Amino acid sequence: MANQYQLILVLSNNNGEEGVNALIDTVKAKVETAATIDALDNLGSKKLAYEIDDQREGTYVKVVFTAEGDFPKEIERVLKITEGVLRYLIVRVSE
């Protein structure tokens, strides 16, 4: 049975706006391989609470998607090795 999930990403601003947009497109394409994207919001650049990889700012992106229960582990695996992703969090949206 498919569940709805919310993914919050903090992306590096080192490559500028074009780099961030390319990274968002990459993540979107990966999610769409096995899930349906319900919403994708670029929340903009914000100051981080603490430095991550010597960076004080990051771009926040929220993705709401519907997928089977085993897909979040796969997207986590991909996000861990994707350069430019500073942090991420995936939670299941309660029904």
N, C-alpha and C. Protein backbone atom coordinates (compact mmCIF):
# COMPACT_ATOMS: atom_id res chain seq x y z
N MET A 1 0.84 -1.19 0.00
CA MET A 1 0.00 0.00 0.00
C MET A 1 0.88 1.25 0.00
N ALA A 2 0.51 2.21 -0.79
CA ALA A 2 1.29 3.44 -0.91
C ALA A 2 1.00 4.38 0.26
N ASN A 3 2.06 5.05 0.70
CA ASN A 3 1.96 6.04 1.77
C ASN A 3 2.44 7.38 1.25
N GLN A 4 2.04 8.44 1.94
CA GLN A 4 2.51 9.77 1.57
C GLN A 4 3.66 10.16 2.48
N TYR A 5 4.72 10.72 1.89
CA TYR A 5 5.92 11.10 2.61
C TYR A 5 6.25 12.55 2.33
N GLN A 6 6.97 13.16 3.29
CA GLN A 6 7.45 14.52 3.11
C GLN A 6 8.97 14.49 3.25
N LEU A 7 9.65 15.04 2.26
CA LEU A 7 11.10 15.10 2.23
C LEU A 7 11.52 16.56 2.32
N ILE A 8 12.36 16.86 3.32
CA ILE A 8 12.93 18.20 3.44
C ILE A 8 14.41 18.10 3.14
N LEU A 9 14.89 18.92 2.22
CA LEU A 9 16.29 18.92 1.82
C LEU A 9 16.93 20.26 2.15
N VAL A 10 18.18 20.23 2.56
CA VAL A 10 18.99 21.43 2.68
C VAL A 10 20.12 21.26 1.67
N LEU A 11 20.14 22.13 0.67
CA LEU A 11 21.10 22.03 -0.42
C LEU A 11 22.17 23.11 -0.32
N SER A 12 23.35 22.79 -0.78
CA SER A 12 24.47 23.72 -0.77
C SER A 12 24.25 24.85 -1.77
N ASN A 13 24.63 26.06 -1.38
CA ASN A 13 24.54 27.22 -2.28
C ASN A 13 25.84 27.48 -3.01
N ASN A 14 26.84 26.61 -2.88
CA ASN A 14 28.17 26.85 -3.46
C ASN A 14 28.16 27.00 -4.98
N ASN A 15 27.27 26.33 -5.68
CA ASN A 15 27.25 26.38 -7.14
C ASN A 15 26.27 27.41 -7.68
N GLY A 16 25.75 28.26 -6.83
CA GLY A 16 24.84 29.31 -7.28
C GLY A 16 23.44 28.77 -7.53
N GLU A 17 22.60 29.65 -8.05
CA GLU A 17 21.20 29.30 -8.29
C GLU A 17 21.05 28.21 -9.35
N GLU A 18 21.88 28.26 -10.38
CA GLU A 18 21.80 27.24 -11.43
C GLU A 18 22.16 25.86 -10.89
N GLY A 19 23.16 25.80 -10.02
CA GLY A 19 23.56 24.54 -9.41
C GLY A 19 22.48 23.97 -8.52
N VAL A 20 21.83 24.85 -7.76
CA VAL A 20 20.73 24.42 -6.89
C VAL A 20 19.58 23.89 -7.73
N ASN A 21 19.22 24.60 -8.79
CA ASN A 21 18.13 24.15 -9.66
C ASN A 21 18.45 22.81 -10.32
N ALA A 22 19.71 22.61 -10.72
CA ALA A 22 20.11 21.34 -11.32
C ALA A 22 20.00 20.21 -10.30
N LEU A 23 20.38 20.49 -9.06
CA LEU A 23 20.30 19.50 -8.00
C LEU A 23 18.84 19.16 -7.68
N ILE A 24 17.98 20.15 -7.68
CA ILE A 24 16.54 19.92 -7.46
C ILE A 24 15.99 19.03 -8.58
N ASP A 25 16.37 19.31 -9.81
CA ASP A 25 15.92 18.49 -10.94
C ASP A 25 16.41 17.05 -10.81
N THR A 26 17.64 16.86 -10.33
CA THR A 26 18.19 15.52 -10.14
C THR A 26 17.40 14.75 -9.10
N VAL A 27 17.14 15.39 -7.97
CA VAL A 27 16.37 14.74 -6.89
C VAL A 27 14.95 14.45 -7.36
N LYS A 28 14.34 15.40 -8.07
CA LYS A 28 12.99 15.21 -8.59
C LYS A 28 12.92 14.01 -9.53
N ALA A 29 13.91 13.89 -10.41
CA ALA A 29 13.93 12.76 -11.35
C ALA A 29 14.08 11.44 -10.61
N LYS A 30 14.90 11.41 -9.57
CA LYS A 30 15.09 10.18 -8.82
C LYS A 30 13.82 9.78 -8.08
N VAL A 31 13.14 10.75 -7.49
CA VAL A 31 11.90 10.45 -6.76
C VAL A 31 10.84 9.95 -7.73
N GLU A 32 10.78 10.53 -8.92
CA GLU A 32 9.76 10.14 -9.90
C GLU A 32 9.98 8.75 -10.48
N THR A 33 11.14 8.12 -10.26
CA THR A 33 11.36 6.78 -10.78
C THR A 33 10.44 5.76 -10.12
N ALA A 34 10.09 5.98 -8.83
CA ALA A 34 9.27 5.00 -8.13
C ALA A 34 8.17 5.63 -7.29
N ALA A 35 7.93 6.92 -7.47
CA ALA A 35 6.92 7.60 -6.65
C ALA A 35 6.22 8.66 -7.48
N THR A 36 5.13 9.16 -6.93
CA THR A 36 4.39 10.26 -7.54
C THR A 36 4.59 11.50 -6.69
N ILE A 37 5.08 12.57 -7.30
CA ILE A 37 5.30 13.82 -6.57
C ILE A 37 3.98 14.56 -6.48
N ASP A 38 3.56 14.84 -5.24
CA ASP A 38 2.32 15.58 -5.00
C ASP A 38 2.57 17.09 -4.94
N ALA A 39 3.74 17.48 -4.41
CA ALA A 39 4.09 18.89 -4.30
C ALA A 39 5.60 19.04 -4.21
N LEU A 40 6.13 20.10 -4.81
CA LEU A 40 7.54 20.41 -4.71
C LEU A 40 7.67 21.91 -4.51
N ASP A 41 8.23 22.33 -3.39
CA ASP A 41 8.35 23.75 -3.07
C ASP A 41 9.79 24.09 -2.77
N ASN A 42 10.32 25.09 -3.47
CA ASN A 42 11.63 25.63 -3.15
C ASN A 42 11.38 26.73 -2.13
N LEU A 43 11.80 26.50 -0.89
CA LEU A 43 11.54 27.43 0.19
C LEU A 43 12.57 28.55 0.27
N GLY A 44 13.57 28.50 -0.58
CA GLY A 44 14.56 29.57 -0.66
C GLY A 44 15.76 29.35 0.24
N SER A 45 16.67 30.29 0.16
CA SER A 45 17.91 30.23 0.93
C SER A 45 17.68 30.79 2.32
N LYS A 46 18.18 30.07 3.32
CA LYS A 46 18.01 30.51 4.70
C LYS A 46 19.32 30.30 5.45
N LYS A 47 19.51 31.05 6.51
CA LYS A 47 20.68 30.90 7.37
C LYS A 47 20.52 29.61 8.17
N LEU A 48 21.59 28.82 8.25
CA LEU A 48 21.56 27.57 9.00
C LEU A 48 21.77 27.85 10.48
N ALA A 49 21.25 26.99 11.32
CA ALA A 49 21.41 27.15 12.77
C ALA A 49 22.86 26.93 13.18
N TYR A 50 23.58 26.11 12.44
CA TYR A 50 25.00 25.86 12.69
C TYR A 50 25.68 25.56 11.35
N GLU A 51 26.99 25.71 11.30
CA GLU A 51 27.71 25.47 10.06
C GLU A 51 27.68 24.00 9.69
N ILE A 52 27.46 23.74 8.41
CA ILE A 52 27.54 22.39 7.86
C ILE A 52 28.53 22.46 6.70
N ASP A 53 29.61 21.71 6.78
CA ASP A 53 30.65 21.73 5.74
C ASP A 53 31.12 23.15 5.44
N ASP A 54 31.36 23.93 6.49
CA ASP A 54 31.84 25.32 6.40
C ASP A 54 30.88 26.24 5.67
N GLN A 55 29.59 25.93 5.70
CA GLN A 55 28.59 26.77 5.04
C GLN A 55 27.61 27.29 6.09
N ARG A 56 27.25 28.54 5.95
CA ARG A 56 26.33 29.18 6.89
C ARG A 56 24.92 29.32 6.34
N GLU A 57 24.74 29.11 5.02
CA GLU A 57 23.42 29.21 4.40
C GLU A 57 23.17 27.99 3.52
N GLY A 58 21.89 27.68 3.35
CA GLY A 58 21.50 26.57 2.48
C GLY A 58 20.13 26.83 1.90
N THR A 59 19.83 26.17 0.81
CA THR A 59 18.52 26.28 0.18
C THR A 59 17.65 25.12 0.65
N TYR A 60 16.48 25.46 1.16
CA TYR A 60 15.55 24.46 1.67
C TYR A 60 14.53 24.11 0.58
N VAL A 61 14.28 22.80 0.43
CA VAL A 61 13.32 22.31 -0.56
C VAL A 61 12.43 21.30 0.12
N LYS A 62 11.11 21.41 -0.11
CA LYS A 62 10.14 20.45 0.44
C LYS A 62 9.51 19.69 -0.71
N VAL A 63 9.55 18.35 -0.60
CA VAL A 63 8.95 17.48 -1.61
C VAL A 63 7.96 16.57 -0.90
N VAL A 64 6.71 16.57 -1.36
CA VAL A 64 5.69 15.66 -0.84
C VAL A 64 5.45 14.63 -1.94
N PHE A 65 5.60 13.35 -1.59
CA PHE A 65 5.43 12.31 -2.60
C PHE A 65 4.71 11.10 -2.02
N THR A 66 4.13 10.31 -2.92
CA THR A 66 3.42 9.08 -2.56
C THR A 66 4.21 7.92 -3.13
N ALA A 67 4.53 6.94 -2.27
CA ALA A 67 5.33 5.80 -2.71
C ALA A 67 5.06 4.60 -1.82
N GLU A 68 5.58 3.46 -2.27
CA GLU A 68 5.51 2.24 -1.46
C GLU A 68 6.46 2.37 -0.28
N GLY A 69 6.28 1.53 0.73
CA GLY A 69 7.00 1.64 1.98
C GLY A 69 8.50 1.44 1.91
N ASP A 70 9.02 0.76 0.89
CA ASP A 70 10.46 0.52 0.81
C ASP A 70 11.22 1.63 0.07
N PHE A 71 10.52 2.54 -0.60
CA PHE A 71 11.18 3.56 -1.40
C PHE A 71 11.95 4.60 -0.58
N PRO A 72 11.47 5.04 0.59
CA PRO A 72 12.24 6.04 1.35
C PRO A 72 13.67 5.60 1.67
N LYS A 73 13.88 4.32 1.95
CA LYS A 73 15.25 3.85 2.20
C LYS A 73 16.12 4.01 0.97
N GLU A 74 15.57 3.77 -0.20
CA GLU A 74 16.33 3.92 -1.44
C GLU A 74 16.68 5.38 -1.70
N ILE A 75 15.72 6.28 -1.51
CA ILE A 75 16.01 7.70 -1.76
C ILE A 75 17.01 8.22 -0.72
N GLU A 76 16.96 7.72 0.52
CA GLU A 76 17.96 8.10 1.52
C GLU A 76 19.35 7.66 1.09
N ARG A 77 19.46 6.45 0.55
CA ARG A 77 20.75 5.95 0.09
C ARG A 77 21.31 6.86 -0.99
N VAL A 78 20.46 7.29 -1.91
CA VAL A 78 20.90 8.17 -2.99
C VAL A 78 21.29 9.55 -2.47
N LEU A 79 20.50 10.09 -1.54
CA LEU A 79 20.80 11.42 -1.01
C LEU A 79 22.11 11.45 -0.23
N LYS A 80 22.45 10.34 0.45
CA LYS A 80 23.71 10.28 1.21
C LYS A 80 24.91 10.46 0.30
N ILE A 81 24.85 9.97 -0.93
CA ILE A 81 26.00 10.03 -1.82
C ILE A 81 25.90 11.16 -2.85
N THR A 82 24.84 11.94 -2.81
CA THR A 82 24.67 13.04 -3.76
C THR A 82 25.41 14.27 -3.25
N GLU A 83 26.35 14.75 -4.04
CA GLU A 83 27.11 15.92 -3.65
C GLU A 83 26.21 17.16 -3.75
N GLY A 84 26.29 18.01 -2.74
CA GLY A 84 25.47 19.21 -2.72
C GLY A 84 24.29 19.10 -1.77
N VAL A 85 23.98 17.90 -1.30
CA VAL A 85 22.91 17.72 -0.31
C VAL A 85 23.56 17.79 1.07
N LEU A 86 23.25 18.85 1.82
CA LEU A 86 23.85 19.01 3.15
C LEU A 86 23.12 18.17 4.18
N ARG A 87 21.80 18.22 4.19
CA ARG A 87 20.99 17.45 5.13
C ARG A 87 19.66 17.10 4.46
N TYR A 88 19.01 16.07 5.00
CA TYR A 88 17.68 15.68 4.50
C TYR A 88 16.92 15.01 5.64
N LEU A 89 15.62 14.99 5.50
CA LEU A 89 14.75 14.31 6.46
C LEU A 89 13.51 13.83 5.71
N ILE A 90 13.20 12.55 5.88
CA ILE A 90 12.00 11.98 5.27
C ILE A 90 11.09 11.50 6.39
N VAL A 91 9.84 11.96 6.37
CA VAL A 91 8.86 11.51 7.35
C VAL A 91 7.58 11.08 6.62
N ARG A 92 6.90 10.11 7.20
CA ARG A 92 5.62 9.69 6.64
C ARG A 92 4.54 10.61 7.18
N VAL A 93 3.70 11.10 6.29
CA VAL A 93 2.61 12.00 6.68
C VAL A 93 1.49 11.13 7.24
N SER A 94 1.04 11.45 8.44
CA SER A 94 -0.03 10.65 9.06
C SER A 94 -1.34 10.88 8.32
N GLU A 95 -2.17 9.86 8.38
CA GLU A 95 -3.43 9.92 7.64
C GLU A 95 -4.57 10.33 8.51
